[in-house]
């Protein structure tokens, strides 16, 4: 029984030593991206036999065999870390609780993390978006103008150069001089399947013997335009009567072709100059690869010199009914269990949450240095008190032993 008096101080020293280890681990990871700190919690070890006072009602006042203290750790999974800008194209930070990136290891096991310092890894000629430890980031694959519904490995597949976008529509807003000229020309840049734009001239020529009537013809560099001539008729007030649109076909010298619908509905016939106010079309030149990156909605894409973009996929962010019960693998990586409850995608293929993600930034470690320093002081003091208690118990036991030895 005498030895049991050491139990509280021994368990106390063990618990405080573990608490100090926890604090030290948090300090060591104060700059680890996405790190969630641990916190050591304590439980009193109580006996099971009540001690009754000699009172009429025999109320229990204590327990006879208090056995000291036990401990366990909990991870502050939902503690938000500071968002720090990095400028790196593949970095992305989560700003909010209960949202985690979904990642997969080489064995196909799924984990969750807040560490968004992603990079790329090439395996067997294919390049993937991965975490710092090589786990493949999961996302909804690009499909048509949207995304698929089942997450998979995000693969980075970009073309060094994308072809031009052929012109299919054009609009010209300009004035045809009512007097002083017999013809006026208007230039439109038209893109073909295999070129970066050529100048197509739309030429208005007065029709003899007809009032407010012009013949429209077309010509283009490196090709032939069919669909003309077309007669354009203006009203007496200078607005266009007909036609509002003209359909032409361009046959390029390289054998390719494209059809173009030209909107001239807002052209006028007033006295004065040509007064060109707008020439627009929907084509685009070819583009060279500029960079790939992750945007504010978690969409992984590539941008090109012509302003076009190529989308690879969209990051899959997962939330849980009870995220605090996620099991930490290494405090930046977690796995689900029955205690986490059902999971759901926070940002589905067709769903975006404003300000949830911050691109070109990471969530820094959630360790609060001041708080951890205060804990360290308390833990050190508690450990010291337990050692003093142990020493006192040891001295008392030695005195008791000497008394027994000295008795006749």
Protein backbone atom coordinates (compact mmCIF):
# COMPACT_ATOMS: atom_id res chain seq x y z
CA UNK A 1 0.00 0.00 0.00
CA UNK A 2 2.91 2.33 0.77
CA UNK A 3 4.11 2.10 -2.83
CA UNK A 4 0.71 3.27 -4.10
CA UNK A 5 1.49 6.70 -2.72
CA UNK A 6 3.97 7.12 -5.60
CA UNK A 7 1.32 6.52 -8.26
CA UNK A 8 -0.06 10.09 -8.45
CA UNK A 9 3.37 11.68 -8.80
CA UNK A 10 4.65 9.02 -11.24
CA UNK A 11 1.58 9.29 -13.49
CA UNK A 12 1.75 13.06 -13.13
CA UNK A 13 5.37 13.18 -14.30
CA UNK A 14 4.55 10.87 -17.20
CA UNK A 15 1.54 12.97 -18.23
CA UNK A 16 3.42 16.27 -17.99
CA UNK A 17 6.40 14.82 -19.88
CA UNK A 18 4.04 13.84 -22.67
CA UNK A 19 2.42 17.29 -22.59
CA UNK A 20 5.87 18.87 -22.95
CA UNK A 21 6.55 16.57 -25.91
CA UNK A 22 3.29 17.76 -27.48
CA UNK A 23 4.25 21.41 -27.01
CA UNK A 24 7.70 20.73 -28.45
CA UNK A 25 6.18 19.04 -31.50
CA UNK A 26 3.92 22.05 -32.05
CA UNK A 27 6.90 24.39 -31.78
CA UNK A 28 8.82 22.27 -34.30
CA UNK A 29 5.95 22.58 -36.80
CA UNK A 30 5.27 26.28 -36.38
CA UNK A 31 6.24 26.81 -40.04
CA UNK A 32 4.74 23.61 -41.49
CA UNK A 33 2.08 24.44 -44.10
CA UNK A 34 -1.38 23.24 -43.09
CA UNK A 35 -0.20 21.91 -39.70
CA UNK A 36 -2.88 21.52 -37.01
CA UNK A 37 -1.55 21.57 -33.42
CA UNK A 38 -2.09 18.85 -30.84
CA UNK A 39 -3.27 19.55 -27.31
CA UNK A 40 -2.73 17.17 -24.36
CA UNK A 41 -5.80 16.66 -22.21
CA UNK A 42 -5.83 15.13 -18.71
CA UNK A 43 -8.15 12.71 -16.90
CA UNK A 44 -8.18 12.00 -13.18
CA UNK A 45 -7.76 8.31 -12.36
CA UNK A 46 -10.34 7.57 -9.67
CA UNK A 47 -10.84 4.49 -7.54
CA UNK A 48 -14.08 2.59 -7.47
CA UNK A 49 -14.65 2.09 -3.69
CA UNK A 50 -16.49 4.99 -1.98
CA UNK A 51 -15.40 6.14 1.46
CA UNK A 52 -18.40 6.83 3.71
CA UNK A 53 -18.27 9.33 6.53
CA UNK A 54 -19.75 8.31 9.87
CA UNK A 55 -22.87 10.34 9.30
CA UNK A 56 -26.49 9.42 9.71
CA UNK A 57 -27.17 9.43 5.98
CA UNK A 58 -23.74 7.93 5.14
CA UNK A 59 -23.04 10.36 2.29
CA UNK A 60 -19.97 9.58 0.19
CA UNK A 61 -17.33 12.28 0.56
CA UNK A 62 -14.37 10.84 -1.35
CA UNK A 63 -12.78 7.79 -2.91
CA UNK A 64 -10.09 5.82 -1.19
CA UNK A 65 -7.88 4.87 -4.13
CA UNK A 66 -7.21 7.90 -6.35
CA UNK A 67 -4.67 6.53 -8.80
CA UNK A 68 -3.28 9.74 -10.31
CA UNK A 69 -3.76 11.10 -13.82
CA UNK A 70 -4.05 9.83 -17.37
CA UNK A 71 -3.84 11.80 -20.62
CA UNK A 72 -4.84 11.80 -24.25
CA UNK A 73 -4.18 14.05 -27.22
CA UNK A 74 -6.64 15.86 -29.42
CA UNK A 75 -5.86 17.60 -32.71
CA UNK A 76 -7.34 21.03 -33.34
CA UNK A 77 -8.47 20.05 -36.82
CA UNK A 78 -10.66 23.09 -37.44
CA UNK A 79 -8.27 25.71 -36.14
CA UNK A 80 -7.64 28.20 -38.95
CA UNK A 81 -4.05 29.04 -39.81
CA UNK A 82 -2.91 32.38 -41.19
CA UNK A 83 -3.21 32.78 -44.97
CA UNK A 84 0.18 33.65 -46.44
CA UNK A 85 0.70 34.75 -50.05
CA UNK A 86 3.40 32.85 -51.94
CA UNK A 87 2.95 33.76 -55.60
CA UNK A 88 3.32 30.10 -56.60
CA UNK A 89 0.89 29.06 -59.32
CA UNK A 90 -0.09 25.74 -57.74
CA UNK A 91 -0.44 26.98 -54.14
CA UNK A 92 -3.96 27.42 -52.80
CA UNK A 93 -5.21 28.11 -49.28
CA UNK A 94 -8.54 27.17 -47.70
CA UNK A 95 -10.10 30.03 -45.77
CA UNK A 96 -12.80 28.51 -43.56
CA UNK A 97 -13.65 25.54 -41.38
CA UNK A 98 -14.61 21.99 -42.34
CA UNK A 99 -13.10 21.88 -45.81
CA UNK A 100 -10.21 19.64 -46.82
CA UNK A 101 -8.38 18.78 -50.02
CA UNK A 102 -8.85 15.16 -51.03
CA UNK A 103 -5.62 13.31 -51.88
CA UNK A 104 -4.69 9.71 -52.71
CA UNK A 105 -1.53 7.72 -52.03
CA UNK A 106 0.10 5.20 -54.37
CA UNK A 107 -1.98 2.42 -52.83
CA UNK A 108 -5.25 4.15 -53.64
CA UNK A 109 -5.96 5.17 -50.03
CA UNK A 110 -7.81 8.46 -49.60
CA UNK A 111 -6.65 11.12 -47.14
CA UNK A 112 -7.54 14.72 -46.39
CA UNK A 113 -5.33 17.74 -45.88
CA UNK A 114 -5.30 21.52 -45.54
CA UNK A 115 -1.76 21.80 -46.88
CA UNK A 116 -2.23 23.39 -50.29
CA UNK A 117 1.42 23.76 -51.28
CA UNK A 118 0.97 21.61 -54.36
CA UNK A 119 3.44 20.82 -57.09
CA UNK A 120 3.62 18.50 -60.11
CA UNK A 121 5.02 14.99 -60.50
CA UNK A 122 5.64 13.14 -63.77
CA UNK A 123 5.11 9.38 -63.77
CA UNK A 124 5.29 7.23 -66.89
CA UNK A 125 5.11 10.29 -69.08
CA UNK A 126 2.03 11.73 -67.35
CA UNK A 127 2.13 14.81 -65.11
CA UNK A 128 -0.05 14.99 -62.00
CA UNK A 129 -0.87 17.63 -59.40
CA UNK A 130 0.50 16.29 -56.11
CA UNK A 131 1.14 17.22 -52.48
CA UNK A 132 4.61 17.75 -51.09
CA UNK A 133 4.84 14.05 -50.16
CA UNK A 134 3.74 12.88 -53.60
CA UNK A 135 0.06 12.13 -52.92
CA UNK A 136 -2.09 12.80 -55.98
CA UNK A 137 -4.58 15.63 -55.59
CA UNK A 138 -8.16 14.64 -56.42
CA UNK A 139 -10.54 16.74 -58.45
CA UNK A 140 -13.48 16.76 -60.81
CA UNK A 141 -12.16 16.25 -64.37
CA UNK A 142 -12.96 18.77 -67.09
CA UNK A 143 -15.82 17.55 -69.28
CA UNK A 144 -17.15 19.69 -72.12
CA UNK A 145 -17.99 23.09 -70.67
CA UNK A 146 -18.20 21.74 -67.12
CA UNK A 147 -16.81 19.02 -64.89
CA UNK A 148 -17.42 15.33 -64.28
CA UNK A 149 -19.14 14.22 -61.09
CA UNK A 150 -16.57 11.68 -59.87
CA UNK A 151 -13.20 12.92 -58.55
CA UNK A 152 -10.03 11.46 -60.01
CA UNK A 153 -6.31 12.29 -60.18
CA UNK A 154 -5.81 15.79 -61.57
CA UNK A 155 -3.59 15.41 -64.60
CA UNK A 156 -1.76 18.37 -66.12
CA UNK A 157 -1.87 17.92 -69.89
CA UNK A 158 -1.23 21.11 -71.80
CA UNK A 159 -0.38 21.91 -75.39
CA UNK A 160 2.64 24.12 -76.03
CA UNK A 161 0.54 25.86 -78.67
CA UNK A 162 -3.19 25.93 -79.32
CA UNK A 163 -4.56 26.63 -82.82
CA UNK A 164 -6.40 29.76 -83.83
CA UNK A 165 -10.15 30.02 -83.31
CA UNK A 166 -11.84 30.56 -86.70
CA UNK A 167 -14.11 33.59 -87.00
CA UNK A 168 -17.80 32.71 -87.25
CA UNK A 169 -19.41 36.05 -86.36
CA UNK A 170 -18.48 39.66 -86.97
CA UNK A 171 -20.11 43.02 -86.35
CA UNK A 172 -19.42 46.34 -88.05
CA UNK A 173 -20.81 49.64 -86.78
CA UNK A 174 -19.83 52.45 -89.16
CA UNK A 175 -21.16 55.18 -91.42
CA UNK A 176 -21.37 55.06 -95.20
CA UNK A 177 -20.93 58.67 -96.44
CA UNK A 178 -24.15 59.89 -98.03
CA UNK A 179 -22.35 62.18 -100.44
CA UNK A 180 -18.94 62.99 -101.82
CA UNK A 181 -17.76 59.41 -102.40
CA UNK A 182 -18.67 56.56 -104.70
CA UNK A 183 -17.25 53.80 -102.51
CA UNK A 184 -16.16 53.08 -98.93
CA UNK A 185 -14.17 50.16 -97.56
CA UNK A 186 -14.26 48.63 -94.07
CA UNK A 187 -11.64 46.17 -92.82
CA UNK A 188 -12.41 43.15 -90.65
CA UNK A 189 -9.78 40.80 -89.23
CA UNK A 190 -10.92 37.23 -89.92
CA UNK A 191 -9.19 34.19 -88.42
CA UNK A 192 -9.03 30.92 -90.31
CA UNK A 193 -8.42 27.38 -89.01
CA UNK A 194 -4.73 27.61 -89.92
CA UNK A 195 -3.84 31.28 -89.70
CA UNK A 196 -3.57 34.07 -87.15
CA UNK A 197 -5.88 36.47 -88.92
CA UNK A 198 -6.14 38.07 -92.32
CA UNK A 199 -7.76 41.35 -93.39
CA UNK A 200 -11.11 41.04 -95.14
CA UNK A 201 -12.33 44.19 -96.88
CA UNK A 202 -16.05 44.92 -97.08
CA UNK A 203 -16.44 47.43 -99.96
CA UNK A 204 -19.59 49.56 -100.41
CA UNK A 205 -20.04 50.91 -103.98
CA UNK A 206 -22.90 53.23 -105.07
CA UNK A 207 -25.46 51.65 -107.39
CA UNK A 208 -26.21 53.93 -110.29
CA UNK A 209 -29.86 54.82 -110.73
CA UNK A 210 -30.89 53.67 -107.26
CA UNK A 211 -31.36 55.97 -104.29
CA UNK A 212 -29.58 55.11 -101.04
CA UNK A 213 -28.45 51.80 -102.50
CA UNK A 214 -24.96 50.31 -102.31
CA UNK A 215 -23.39 47.11 -103.63
CA UNK A 216 -21.27 45.23 -101.11
CA UNK A 217 -18.33 43.09 -102.24
CA UNK A 218 -15.67 41.27 -100.25
CA UNK A 219 -12.03 40.36 -100.71
CA UNK A 220 -9.47 38.85 -98.32
CA UNK A 221 -5.76 38.12 -98.11
CA UNK A 222 -4.74 34.52 -98.85
CA UNK A 223 -8.26 33.47 -99.74
CA UNK A 224 -11.49 33.96 -101.65
CA UNK A 225 -14.81 35.22 -100.28
CA UNK A 226 -18.10 34.02 -101.68
CA UNK A 227 -21.53 35.34 -100.73
CA UNK A 228 -21.51 38.63 -102.57
CA UNK A 229 -22.24 40.98 -104.11
CA UNK A 230 -25.10 42.07 -101.86
CA UNK A 231 -27.23 45.20 -102.21
CA UNK A 232 -27.62 47.32 -99.08
CA UNK A 233 -30.50 49.80 -98.93
CA UNK A 234 -30.75 52.67 -96.43
CA UNK A 235 -33.84 54.53 -95.28
CA UNK A 236 -34.25 58.25 -95.91
CA UNK A 237 -33.36 58.92 -92.27
CA UNK A 238 -29.99 57.23 -92.75
CA UNK A 239 -30.71 53.96 -90.95
CA UNK A 240 -30.20 50.62 -92.67
CA UNK A 241 -33.27 49.04 -94.23
CA UNK A 242 -31.73 45.78 -95.47
CA UNK A 243 -29.98 43.46 -95.12
CA UNK A 244 -29.24 43.33 -91.42
CA UNK A 245 -26.85 40.36 -91.71
CA UNK A 246 -24.69 38.95 -94.48
CA UNK A 247 -23.45 35.35 -94.64
CA UNK A 248 -20.17 34.79 -96.45
CA UNK A 249 -17.83 31.83 -96.86
CA UNK A 250 -14.04 32.14 -96.87
CA UNK A 251 -12.04 29.57 -98.86
CA UNK A 252 -8.43 29.85 -97.79
CA UNK A 253 -5.52 29.16 -100.12
CA UNK A 254 -4.34 26.34 -97.82
CA UNK A 255 -7.55 24.41 -98.48
CA UNK A 256 -9.37 25.22 -95.22
CA UNK A 257 -12.53 27.30 -94.94
CA UNK A 258 -14.93 28.92 -92.50
CA UNK A 259 -18.32 30.63 -92.70
CA UNK A 260 -18.82 34.10 -91.24
CA UNK A 261 -22.05 35.89 -90.36
CA UNK A 262 -21.55 39.67 -90.53
CA UNK A 263 -23.92 41.92 -88.57
CA UNK A 264 -24.30 45.35 -90.23
CA UNK A 265 -27.66 46.24 -88.67
CA UNK A 266 -26.27 49.35 -86.96
CA UNK A 267 -24.54 50.83 -89.98
CA UNK A 268 -25.78 54.25 -91.13
CA UNK A 269 -25.73 56.55 -94.17
CA UNK A 270 -25.17 60.12 -93.07
CA UNK A 271 -23.28 63.02 -94.55
CA UNK A 272 -19.67 63.09 -93.50
CA UNK A 273 -16.91 60.51 -93.14
CA UNK A 274 -16.94 56.76 -92.68
CA UNK A 275 -17.19 57.11 -88.89
CA UNK A 276 -16.12 53.59 -87.95
CA UNK A 277 -17.12 53.07 -84.29
CA UNK A 278 -16.94 49.30 -83.90
CA UNK A 279 -15.46 46.32 -85.70
CA UNK A 280 -15.67 43.11 -83.70
CA UNK A 281 -15.44 39.37 -84.34
CA UNK A 282 -15.33 36.14 -82.32
CA UNK A 283 -12.15 34.53 -83.65
CA UNK A 284 -8.76 34.41 -81.95
CA UNK A 285 -5.16 33.86 -83.02
CA UNK A 286 -3.17 30.80 -82.04
CA UNK A 287 -1.61 30.96 -78.59
CA UNK A 288 1.57 29.81 -76.90
CA UNK A 289 1.50 28.26 -73.45
CA UNK A 290 2.09 30.86 -70.71
CA UNK A 291 1.47 29.05 -67.43
CA UNK A 292 -0.81 26.64 -65.60
CA UNK A 293 -2.32 27.60 -62.26
CA UNK A 294 -5.23 27.24 -59.82
CA UNK A 295 -7.85 29.99 -59.71
CA UNK A 296 -10.08 31.28 -56.89
CA UNK A 297 -12.68 28.56 -57.50
CA UNK A 298 -10.15 25.73 -57.38
CA UNK A 299 -10.14 25.28 -61.15
CA UNK A 300 -6.82 24.00 -62.45
CA UNK A 301 -6.13 25.50 -65.86
CA UNK A 302 -3.56 26.72 -68.37
CA UNK A 303 -3.44 30.15 -69.93
CA UNK A 304 -2.18 31.03 -73.40
CA UNK A 305 -0.78 34.13 -75.05
CA UNK A 306 -4.00 34.67 -77.02
CA UNK A 307 -6.06 34.96 -73.83
CA UNK A 308 -7.62 31.52 -74.12
CA UNK A 309 -7.59 28.96 -71.32
CA UNK A 310 -7.46 25.18 -71.14
CA UNK A 311 -9.15 23.62 -68.10
CA UNK A 312 -7.83 20.39 -66.52
CA UNK A 313 -10.16 19.96 -63.57
CA UNK A 314 -11.48 21.37 -60.32
CA UNK A 315 -10.17 20.63 -56.82
CA UNK A 316 -12.43 18.40 -54.72
CA UNK A 317 -12.94 19.89 -51.25
CA UNK A 318 -14.56 17.62 -48.66
CA UNK A 319 -16.43 18.41 -45.45
CA UNK A 320 -17.66 16.08 -42.68
CA UNK A 321 -20.48 15.93 -40.15
CA UNK A 322 -17.87 15.83 -37.40
CA UNK A 323 -14.52 16.95 -38.80
CA UNK A 324 -12.98 17.11 -35.32
CA UNK A 325 -13.01 13.31 -35.28
CA UNK A 326 -10.71 12.99 -38.28
CA UNK A 327 -7.76 10.76 -37.43
CA UNK A 328 -4.41 12.57 -37.79
CA UNK A 329 -1.78 10.69 -39.75
CA UNK A 330 0.91 13.36 -39.40
CA UNK A 331 -1.03 16.50 -38.41
CA UNK A 332 -1.18 17.76 -41.98
CA UNK A 333 -2.77 14.57 -43.27
CA UNK A 334 -5.97 13.03 -41.92
CA UNK A 335 -8.12 10.00 -42.59
CA UNK A 336 -11.82 9.52 -42.05
CA UNK A 337 -13.43 7.09 -39.61
CA UNK A 338 -16.92 6.09 -38.54
CA UNK A 339 -16.79 8.91 -35.99
CA UNK A 340 -16.43 11.62 -38.64
CA UNK A 341 -19.90 10.92 -39.99
CA UNK A 342 -21.00 11.37 -43.58
CA UNK A 343 -18.82 13.36 -45.94
CA UNK A 344 -19.89 15.81 -48.64
CA UNK A 345 -18.23 17.87 -51.35
CA UNK A 346 -18.03 21.48 -50.25
CA UNK A 347 -17.46 22.69 -53.80
CA UNK A 348 -19.10 20.28 -56.20
CA UNK A 349 -18.68 20.27 -59.97
CA UNK A 350 -21.36 22.97 -60.29
CA UNK A 351 -20.90 24.73 -56.96
CA UNK A 352 -18.55 27.51 -55.89
CA UNK A 353 -18.28 29.21 -52.49
CA UNK A 354 -17.09 32.80 -52.54
CA UNK A 355 -13.82 33.48 -50.71
CA UNK A 356 -13.34 29.84 -49.68
CA UNK A 357 -10.11 29.51 -51.63
CA UNK A 358 -7.24 31.93 -52.02
CA UNK A 359 -4.93 31.12 -54.94
CA UNK A 360 -1.17 31.62 -54.87
CA UNK A 361 -1.22 31.38 -51.08
CA UNK A 362 -1.04 28.73 -48.36
CA UNK A 363 -2.58 28.22 -44.96
CA UNK A 364 0.28 28.49 -42.51
CA UNK A 365 0.64 26.38 -39.38
CA UNK A 366 -2.17 26.96 -36.88
CA UNK A 367 0.30 26.92 -33.97
CA UNK A 368 -0.04 29.96 -31.69
CA UNK A 369 3.47 30.57 -30.39
CA UNK A 370 2.39 32.69 -27.42
CA UNK A 371 -0.17 30.10 -26.31
CA UNK A 372 2.29 27.22 -26.66
CA UNK A 373 4.95 29.13 -24.68
CA UNK A 374 2.46 29.68 -21.87
CA UNK A 375 1.60 25.97 -21.88
CA UNK A 376 5.26 25.06 -21.72
CA UNK A 377 5.75 27.14 -18.58
CA UNK A 378 2.73 25.54 -16.90
CA UNK A 379 3.84 22.02 -17.91
CA UNK A 380 7.37 22.57 -16.62
CA UNK A 381 6.02 23.84 -13.30
CA UNK A 382 3.59 20.92 -13.00
CA UNK A 383 6.36 18.42 -13.74
CA UNK A 384 8.57 20.03 -11.10
CA UNK A 385 5.80 19.80 -8.50
CA UNK A 386 5.27 16.13 -9.28
CA UNK A 387 8.99 15.42 -8.83
CA UNK A 388 8.87 17.18 -5.46
CA UNK A 389 5.87 15.07 -4.48
CA UNK A 390 7.73 11.93 -5.49
CA UNK A 391 10.77 12.97 -3.47
CA UNK A 392 8.65 13.74 -0.40
CA UNK A 393 6.91 10.34 -0.64
CA UNK A 394 10.27 8.65 -0.98
CA UNK A 395 11.63 10.41 2.11
CA UNK A 396 8.52 9.50 4.11
CA UNK A 397 8.79 5.85 3.06
CA UNK A 398 12.46 5.76 4.06
CA UNK A 399 11.63 7.26 7.47
CA UNK A 400 8.88 4.71 7.95
CA UNK A 401 11.28 1.91 7.07
CA UNK A 402 13.82 3.16 9.63
CA UNK A 403 11.12 3.25 12.31
CA UNK A 404 10.19 -0.36 11.63
CA UNK A 405 13.84 -1.42 11.75
CA UNK A 406 14.46 0.35 15.06
CA UNK A 407 11.45 -1.26 16.78
CA UNK A 408 12.43 -4.12 19.22
